[in-house]
C-alpha atoms as a PDB file:
ATOM      1  CA  MET A   1      -7.711 -17.642  -7.346  1.00  0.00           C
ATOM      2  CA  THR A   2      -4.295 -19.859  -8.358  1.00  0.00           C
ATOM      3  CA  SER A   3      -1.463 -19.630  -6.554  1.00  0.00           C
ATOM      4  CA  ALA A   4      -0.242 -21.691  -3.886  1.00  0.00           C
ATOM      5  CA  VAL A   5      -0.422 -19.417  -1.133  1.00  0.00           C
ATOM      6  CA  THR A   6      -3.557 -18.407  -1.550  1.00  0.00           C
ATOM      7  CA  ASP A   7      -5.459 -22.087  -2.377  1.00  0.00           C
ATOM      8  CA  ALA A   8      -4.421 -22.907   0.996  1.00  0.00           C
ATOM      9  CA  LEU A   9      -6.546 -19.954   2.603  1.00  0.00           C
ATOM     10  CA  PRO A  10      -9.845 -19.848   3.149  1.00  0.00           C
ATOM     11  CA  ARG A  11     -11.872 -17.660  -0.002  1.00  0.00           C
ATOM     12  CA  ASP A  12     -12.212 -14.324   2.568  1.00  0.00           C
ATOM     13  CA  LEU A  13      -8.247 -14.282   3.578  1.00  0.00           C
ATOM     14  CA  ALA A  14      -7.497 -15.301   0.082  1.00  0.00           C
ATOM     15  CA  LEU A  15      -9.197 -12.239  -1.390  1.00  0.00           C
ATOM     16  CA  ARG A  16      -7.422  -9.910   1.669  1.00  0.00           C
ATOM     17  CA  ARG A  17      -4.154 -11.293   1.072  1.00  0.00           C
ATOM     18  CA  ALA A  18      -4.885 -10.525  -3.048  1.00  0.00           C
ATOM     19  CA  PHE A  19      -6.368  -7.249  -2.045  1.00  0.00           C
ATOM     20  CA  SER A  20      -3.120  -6.169  -0.539  1.00  0.00           C
ATOM     21  CA  VAL A  21      -0.658  -6.400  -3.152  1.00  0.00           C
ATOM     22  CA  TYR A  22      -2.420  -2.859  -4.318  1.00  0.00           C
ATOM     23  CA  PRO A  23      -0.120  -0.200  -2.004  1.00  0.00           C
ATOM     24  CA  THR A  24      -3.037   2.340  -0.600  1.00  0.00           C
ATOM     25  CA  GLY A  25      -2.863   5.757   1.126  1.00  0.00           C
ATOM     26  CA  VAL A  26      -4.582   5.827   4.785  1.00  0.00           C
ATOM     27  CA  VAL A  27      -7.143   8.487   5.221  1.00  0.00           C
ATOM     28  CA  ALA A  28      -8.476   9.889   8.474  1.00  0.00           C
ATOM     29  CA  LEU A  29     -12.331  10.471   8.433  1.00  0.00           C
ATOM     30  CA  ALA A  30     -13.784  12.957  11.622  1.00  0.00           C
ATOM     31  CA  ALA A  31     -15.849  15.401  12.398  1.00  0.00           C
ATOM     32  CA  HIS A  32     -16.608  16.955  15.793  1.00  0.00           C
ATOM     33  CA  LEU A  33     -19.753  15.261  17.079  1.00  0.00           C
ATOM     34  CA  ASP A  34     -21.231  15.929  21.144  1.00  0.00           C
ATOM     35  CA  ASP A  35     -18.270  18.124  21.986  1.00  0.00           C
ATOM     36  CA  ARG A  36     -15.545  15.540  20.840  1.00  0.00           C
ATOM     37  CA  ALA A  37     -13.794  14.348  17.758  1.00  0.00           C
ATOM     38  CA  VAL A  38     -15.255  11.177  16.424  1.00  0.00           C
ATOM     39  CA  GLY A  39     -12.517   9.476  13.883  1.00  0.00           C
ATOM     40  CA  MET A  40     -11.816   6.403  12.238  1.00  0.00           C
ATOM     41  CA  ALA A  41      -9.067   5.048   9.061  1.00  0.00           C
ATOM     42  CA  VAL A  42      -9.771   4.339   5.801  1.00  0.00           C
ATOM     43  CA  ASN A  43      -7.622   2.973   2.943  1.00  0.00           C
ATOM     44  CA  SER A  44     -10.274   2.636   1.020  1.00  0.00           C
ATOM     45  CA  PHE A  45     -10.407   6.082  -0.934  1.00  0.00           C
ATOM     46  CA  THR A  46      -9.874   7.148  -4.192  1.00  0.00           C
ATOM     47  CA  SER A  47     -10.752  10.159  -6.606  1.00  0.00           C
ATOM     48  CA  ILE A  48     -13.489   9.975  -8.695  1.00  0.00           C
ATOM     49  CA  SER A  49     -14.613  13.045 -10.670  1.00  0.00           C
ATOM     50  CA  LEU A  50     -13.034  16.738 -10.976  1.00  0.00           C
ATOM     51  CA  GLU A  51     -16.408  18.189 -12.344  1.00  0.00           C
ATOM     52  CA  PRO A  52     -18.479  17.919  -9.495  1.00  0.00           C
ATOM     53  CA  ALA A  53     -15.512  17.293  -7.629  1.00  0.00           C
ATOM     54  CA  LEU A  54     -15.935  13.781  -6.092  1.00  0.00           C
ATOM     55  CA  VAL A  55     -13.804  11.203  -3.714  1.00  0.00           C
ATOM     56  CA  ALA A  56     -15.098   7.848  -2.948  1.00  0.00           C
ATOM     57  CA  ILE A  57     -14.609   5.862   0.642  1.00  0.00           C
ATOM     58  CA  SER A  58     -15.775   2.463   1.657  1.00  0.00           C
ATOM     59  CA  ALA A  59     -16.809   1.611   5.241  1.00  0.00           C
ATOM     60  CA  ALA A  60     -17.624  -1.888   6.674  1.00  0.00           C
ATOM     61  CA  ARG A  61     -21.290  -2.294   7.480  1.00  0.00           C
ATOM     62  CA  THR A  62     -20.150  -3.649  10.992  1.00  0.00           C
ATOM     63  CA  SER A  63     -18.365  -0.565  11.850  1.00  0.00           C
ATOM     64  CA  LYS A  64     -19.834   1.579  14.866  1.00  0.00           C
ATOM     65  CA  THR A  65     -18.048   4.839  13.759  1.00  0.00           C
ATOM     66  CA  TRP A  66     -19.542   4.926  10.148  1.00  0.00           C
ATOM     67  CA  PRO A  67     -23.216   5.389  10.821  1.00  0.00           C
ATOM     68  CA  LEU A  68     -21.854   8.339  13.220  1.00  0.00           C
ATOM     69  CA  LEU A  69     -20.018   9.963  10.550  1.00  0.00           C
ATOM     70  CA  ARG A  70     -22.416   9.156   7.622  1.00  0.00           C
ATOM     71  CA  GLU A  71     -24.673  11.621   9.433  1.00  0.00           C
ATOM     72  CA  VAL A  72     -22.564  15.133   9.489  1.00  0.00           C
ATOM     73  CA  PRO A  73     -23.172  17.976   7.478  1.00  0.00           C
ATOM     74  CA  GLU A  74     -19.030  18.532   7.132  1.00  0.00           C
ATOM     75  CA  LEU A  75     -16.527  15.572   7.235  1.00  0.00           C
ATOM     76  CA  GLY A  76     -12.940  16.077   7.376  1.00  0.00           C
ATOM     77  CA  MET A  77     -10.616  13.665   5.621  1.00  0.00           C
ATOM     78  CA  SER A  78      -6.934  13.688   6.075  1.00  0.00           C
ATOM     79  CA  VAL A  79      -4.517  11.664   4.064  1.00  0.00           C
ATOM     80  CA  LEU A  80      -1.978  10.282   6.966  1.00  0.00           C
ATOM     81  CA  ALA A  81       1.711  11.379   6.696  1.00  0.00           C
ATOM     82  CA  ALA A  82       4.754   8.590   6.959  1.00  0.00           C
ATOM     83  CA  HIS A  83       4.576   9.792  11.098  1.00  0.00           C
ATOM     84  CA  HIS A  84       0.991   8.647  11.265  1.00  0.00           C
ATOM     85  CA  GLU A  85       1.077   5.254  11.762  1.00  0.00           C
ATOM     86  CA  PRO A  86       0.396   5.371  15.744  1.00  0.00           C
ATOM     87  CA  LEU A  87      -2.783   7.657  15.308  1.00  0.00           C
ATOM     88  CA  SER A  88      -3.550   5.424  11.985  1.00  0.00           C
ATOM     89  CA  ARG A  89      -3.667   2.351  14.723  1.00  0.00           C
ATOM     90  CA  SER A  90      -5.671   4.621  16.992  1.00  0.00           C
ATOM     91  CA  LEU A  91      -8.061   5.547  14.712  1.00  0.00           C
ATOM     92  CA  SER A  92      -8.401   1.877  13.892  1.00  0.00           C
ATOM     93  CA  ALA A  93      -9.164   0.384  17.076  1.00  0.00           C
ATOM     94  CA  ARG A  94     -12.210  -0.366  18.496  1.00  0.00           C
ATOM     95  CA  GLU A  95     -12.069   1.025  21.598  1.00  0.00           C
ATOM     96  CA  GLY A  96     -10.099   3.451  23.842  1.00  0.00           C
ATOM     97  CA  ASP A  97      -9.079   7.812  22.658  1.00  0.00           C
ATOM     98  CA  ARG A  98      -8.590   6.880  19.070  1.00  0.00           C
ATOM     99  CA  PHE A  99      -7.006  10.662  18.794  1.00  0.00           C
ATOM    100  CA  GLY A 100      -3.932   9.325  21.190  1.00  0.00           C
ATOM    101  CA  GLY A 101      -3.772  12.999  21.942  1.00  0.00           C
ATOM    102  CA  HIS A 102      -2.617  13.945  18.477  1.00  0.00           C
ATOM    103  CA  ASP A 103      -3.223  17.481  17.082  1.00  0.00           C
ATOM    104  CA  TRP A 104      -6.572  18.342  15.263  1.00  0.00           C
ATOM    105  CA  GLN A 105      -8.554  21.258  14.220  1.00  0.00           C
ATOM    106  CA  ARG A 106     -12.174  21.536  13.534  1.00  0.00           C
ATOM    107  CA  THR A 107     -13.822  23.541  10.870  1.00  0.00           C
ATOM    108  CA  GLU A 108     -16.248  26.098  11.439  1.00  0.00           C
ATOM    109  CA  GLY A 109     -18.934  23.108   9.948  1.00  0.00           C
ATOM    110  CA  GLY A 110     -17.606  20.828  11.889  1.00  0.00           C
ATOM    111  CA  ALA A 111     -15.361  18.696   9.641  1.00  0.00           C
ATOM    112  CA  VAL A 112     -12.078  17.695  11.988  1.00  0.00           C
ATOM    113  CA  LEU A 113      -8.760  17.990  10.120  1.00  0.00           C
ATOM    114  CA  ILE A 114      -5.281  16.240  11.415  1.00  0.00           C
ATOM    115  CA  SER A 115      -2.679  18.407  11.748  1.00  0.00           C
ATOM    116  CA  ASP A 116       0.387  17.437  10.030  1.00  0.00           C
ATOM    117  CA  ALA A 117      -1.477  15.090   7.213  1.00  0.00           C
ATOM    118  CA  ALA A 118      -0.404  15.392   3.647  1.00  0.00           C
ATOM    119  CA  LEU A 119      -3.728  16.775   2.252  1.00  0.00           C
ATOM    120  CA  TRP A 120      -7.121  17.803   4.033  1.00  0.00           C
ATOM    121  CA  LEU A 121     -10.308  17.524   2.061  1.00  0.00           C
ATOM    122  CA  THR A 122     -13.607  19.394   3.294  1.00  0.00           C
ATOM    123  CA  CYS A 123     -16.377  16.935   2.261  1.00  0.00           C
ATOM    124  CA  ARG A 124     -20.187  16.621   2.489  1.00  0.00           C
ATOM    125  CA  LEU A 125     -21.813  13.288   1.139  1.00  0.00           C
ATOM    126  CA  HIS A 126     -23.326  12.915  -2.172  1.00  0.00           C
ATOM    127  CA  SER A 127     -24.704   9.593  -2.066  1.00  0.00           C
ATOM    128  CA  THR A 128     -24.080   6.228  -0.846  1.00  0.00           C
ATOM    129  CA  PHE A 129     -24.200   2.707  -2.729  1.00  0.00           C
ATOM    130  CA  ASP A 130     -24.551  -0.837  -1.478  1.00  0.00           C
ATOM    131  CA  GLY A 131     -20.987  -2.506  -1.907  1.00  0.00           C
ATOM    132  CA  GLY A 132     -21.531  -6.274  -0.231  1.00  0.00           C
ATOM    133  CA  ASP A 133     -20.380  -6.030   3.055  1.00  0.00           C
ATOM    134  CA  HIS A 134     -19.247  -2.413   3.031  1.00  0.00           C
ATOM    135  CA  GLU A 135     -20.975   0.829   2.161  1.00  0.00           C
ATOM    136  CA  ILE A 136     -19.269   2.579  -0.840  1.00  0.00           C
ATOM    137  CA  ALA A 137     -19.924   7.030  -0.134  1.00  0.00           C
ATOM    138  CA  LEU A 138     -19.316   9.755  -2.553  1.00  0.00           C
ATOM    139  CA  TYR A 139     -18.159  12.814  -0.895  1.00  0.00           C
ATOM    140  CA  GLU A 140     -18.255  16.148  -2.860  1.00  0.00           C
ATOM    141  CA  ILE A 141     -15.073  18.095  -1.877  1.00  0.00           C
ATOM    142  CA  ALA A 142     -16.146  21.406  -0.612  1.00  0.00           C
ATOM    143  CA  ASP A 143     -11.961  22.767   0.517  1.00  0.00           C
ATOM    144  CA  ILE A 144      -8.378  21.312  -0.490  1.00  0.00           C
ATOM    145  CA  THR A 145      -5.352  22.200   1.269  1.00  0.00           C
ATOM    146  CA  LEU A 146      -2.512  20.272   0.131  1.00  0.00           C
ATOM    147  CA  PHE A 147       0.901  20.199   1.944  1.00  0.00           C
ATOM    148  CA  ASP A 148       3.008  19.001  -0.741  1.00  0.00           C
ATOM    149  CA  ASP A 149       6.287  18.354   1.303  1.00  0.00           C
ATOM    150  CA  VAL A 150       4.514  16.032   3.448  1.00  0.00           C
ATOM    151  CA  GLU A 151       5.204  12.248   2.362  1.00  0.00           C
ATOM    152  CA  PRO A 152       2.148  10.144   2.828  1.00  0.00           C
ATOM    153  CA  LEU A 153       1.600   6.972   4.898  1.00  0.00           C
ATOM    154  CA  VAL A 154       1.149   3.629   2.988  1.00  0.00           C
ATOM    155  CA  PHE A 155      -0.675   0.568   3.210  1.00  0.00           C
ATOM    156  CA  HIS A 156       0.712  -2.450   1.450  1.00  0.00           C
ATOM    157  CA  GLN A 157       0.107  -6.436   2.297  1.00  0.00           C
ATOM    158  CA  SER A 158      -0.902  -5.544   5.751  1.00  0.00           C
ATOM    159  CA  ARG A 159       1.828  -3.269   6.628  1.00  0.00           C
ATOM    160  CA  TYR A 160       2.676   0.322   6.988  1.00  0.00           C
ATOM    161  CA  ARG A 161       4.944   1.490   4.685  1.00  0.00           C
ATOM    162  CA  SER A 162       7.181   4.535   3.390  1.00  0.00           C
ATOM    163  CA  ILE A 163       7.423   5.750  -0.272  1.00  0.00           C
ATOM    164  CA  ALA A 164      11.128   5.261  -1.025  1.00  0.00           C
ATOM    165  CA  GLY A 165      12.933   8.573  -3.193  1.00  0.00           C
ATOM    166  CA  SER A 166      13.080   7.660  -6.635  1.00  0.00           C
ATOM    167  CA  ALA A 167      15.905   8.617  -8.823  1.00  0.00           C
ATOM    168  CA  SER A 168      15.086  11.540 -11.694  1.00  0.00           C
ATOM    169  CA  ALA A 169      14.464  10.838 -15.208  1.00  0.00           C
END
């Protein structure tokens, strides 16, 4: 990498900085386990295939929550809304009440979906792959609920942002 900024940083920090230039959404992965909601936030989420309907996430191998969620039969994925910044921070915390009293609902299969999100996906694990210090997981989408009028939360350059309205063409 060549940059006056990144050259002065250790490689791992330079990579984090470089990767932060690409804006992403924030997705809550959640399921109901042992009579409680268990969840985490990820920003490594992408669509993969229309047929079959697949999405991918990646989770750090150091996560204590990911091994629990990887084993559930049905997982909820909620694309968080612009007002969900506090919830995203809670879901990213290592300890404490991750849902912070925020409303959610449970599907019959045990997926947890966050109220007021921009998108709900109910998914089943399809396959996993080695991704270095992360595990990459493909999920098959079983159900979709889209909320067109909800602005998503955006994470860019290590900060939460919103999408500014654009002029019509």
